Amino acid sequence: MPSFDEALKRAGEFGRFQRRVFLLLCLTGVTFAFLFVGVVFLGSLPDHFWCRGPGAAELAERCGWSPAEEWNRTAPAAAEPRGRCQRYLLEAAPANASAPGPAALSCADPLAAFPNRSAPLVPCRGGWRYAQDHSTIVSEFDLVCDDAWMLDLTQAVLNLGFLAGAFTLGYAADRYGRIVIYLISCFGIGVTGIVVAFAPNFSVFVIFRFLQGVFGKGTWITCYVIVTEIVGSKQRRIVGIVIQMFFTLGIISLPGIAYFIPSWQGIQLAITLPNFLFLLYYWVVPESPRWLITRKEGDKALTILRRIAKCNGKYLPPNYTEITVTDEEISNPSFLDLVRTPQMRKCTLILMFAWFTSAVVYQGLVMRLGIIGGNLYIDFFISGVVELPGALLILLTIERFGRRFPFAASNILAGVSCLITAFLSEETPWLRTTVATLGRLGITMAFEIVYLVNSELYPTTLRNFGVSLCSGMCDFGGIIAPFLLFRLAAVWLELPLIIFGVLASLCGGLVMLLPETKGIVLPETVEDVEKLGRKKKTQVSSAHL
């Protein structure tokens, strides 16, 4: 009775069938990137905004002022402390004499008259006005001044959704199947995204933003696991990296979408509606045969393998009437399964730290580096292009040197770059930018490698749940990264870089303790994972005999 990997070699490990499924699922990376970083354009801060009190509104209507004239005549200078967060206490001038109390202004007053008249300033209690070409959620829900933290809340809530999706949908995919959870997630992210676009108030926006995160994590992690489970061991490195290059393509293409769509609702719909097209995959993407085998459904797995073989122009021998299934008792995955045995425990703890470090350092450097100033669309495009060399370097190194060394080296490169940048003089901005860019390149490589290593170190019975749970630390890191950056920078501007450098360097040392997964057969059971560690010890013992 053949094993799954023996049957897969007969059917073709990366033939036409796998390439078609792979390319279709890669498109999920593009839409996930839209969700992950879309807040940059959905919530961009308007260049000019001011508080419009009732007196200013009356004057503007009576005098027929344009928004620019109203801003210049009635708004405090932005350079004043909290100038944009306050308003002048104004009223229209009476016909005959000025009355005591609030400052009075007539249509004939020159521009910027009131800064010289010492009109009283009062806190703004609503009535914000915005001078901009594109509407954003900032202007939609007035997320400025005292309420500016709510914009950060929207991204934190999205990451909380990712975290919840890692636990719930990651668990469901291991229990109920990969493709069914993938399709449910695609439908869910589409529906919730539409509700977000037409949210009547901020509370509804935040609730459905959270649900978008839940379903978004379901699509991304599940499609990644499906791809790695239907190809041979030699192809996993390629598909695992290329699918993340599609994530980068999403980052690169997002500025173009945002530039040509004038409203945040339009951008939200443009980056959400493509998820409904993925429902068509029901007819072309099969259930993972590896997962079917773990559920003791070898006959269904064999049917899919025959379908793969036919599409690849190959065939399975007639004596392939059954396929070996695991003798391990079927059980629902739990966190205890990931830490019960020594090797699994070591892998889980190190991978969780690696995910956390990658998220904190990656998002921290993105927020700090800025690459070039000025145009938001160009800046964002360049920040995406910087990530492409990382994927190419991974493809060139992980097959030659294995997984561990590039994984460790990329983290150490990021860590050392952060530490050096923290102590470089501000008089050499080009050098600081160059070294910081190397750090961005290093942590991008580490972020991409951890996906591959994580999926290779867990058995099929726990793979989707294990990857989802460990990557949940990435979501946790994404929640705290902005707060970590800005709070530490308030103490010392370079302190965040030192923290990032220490985290990444420590992570580089820890990942060297993981077993090497280059060329191994994907483990099917927990016992297979434990053998990875014992095999290394046996080889060392034999060398001394």
Foldseek 3Di string as FASTA:
>chain_A
DAAPQVLLVQLDQCFPQLVVLLVLLLLLLLLLLCLQPVLCLQVPDFPDKAAQDPQLVVQCVVLVDDPVQSCQAWFADPPPVCRRQKTFQEHAADPPHRDPDFHHDYSPDDGNPPVVVCGDIDGHDDRMDGDDQAAHVCVVAVCDDVNVVVSLVLSLLLLLLLLLLLQVLLLVCLVPFLPVLLLVLLVQLLVLLLCLLVPPHDVSNSVSSSSNSNSSNSNVLSSLLLSLLRHFQVCLLVSLLVSNLSNLVSLLCLLVLSVPDRYSSSSSNVSRVVSNVSNVCVVSRDTRLLSCLQVVNFQVSVVVSQVSSVVRVGHDDPVPRGHDGDPDDADRDDVCQQCVDDQSNLVLVLLLLLLLLLLLLLVLLLVPLLLDDDDPSVSSNVLSVLQVVLSVVSVVPCQPPFLLQLLLVLLLLLLVLLVVLLPDDPVCVVVSNVSSSSNNSSSSNNNSSSLSVLQQLDASSCRSSSSSNSNSSSSVSNSCNVVLQVVQCVVPVSVSSNVSSVSSNVSSVSSNPHQTRRPDGRHHDPVSSVVSVVVVVVVVVVVVD
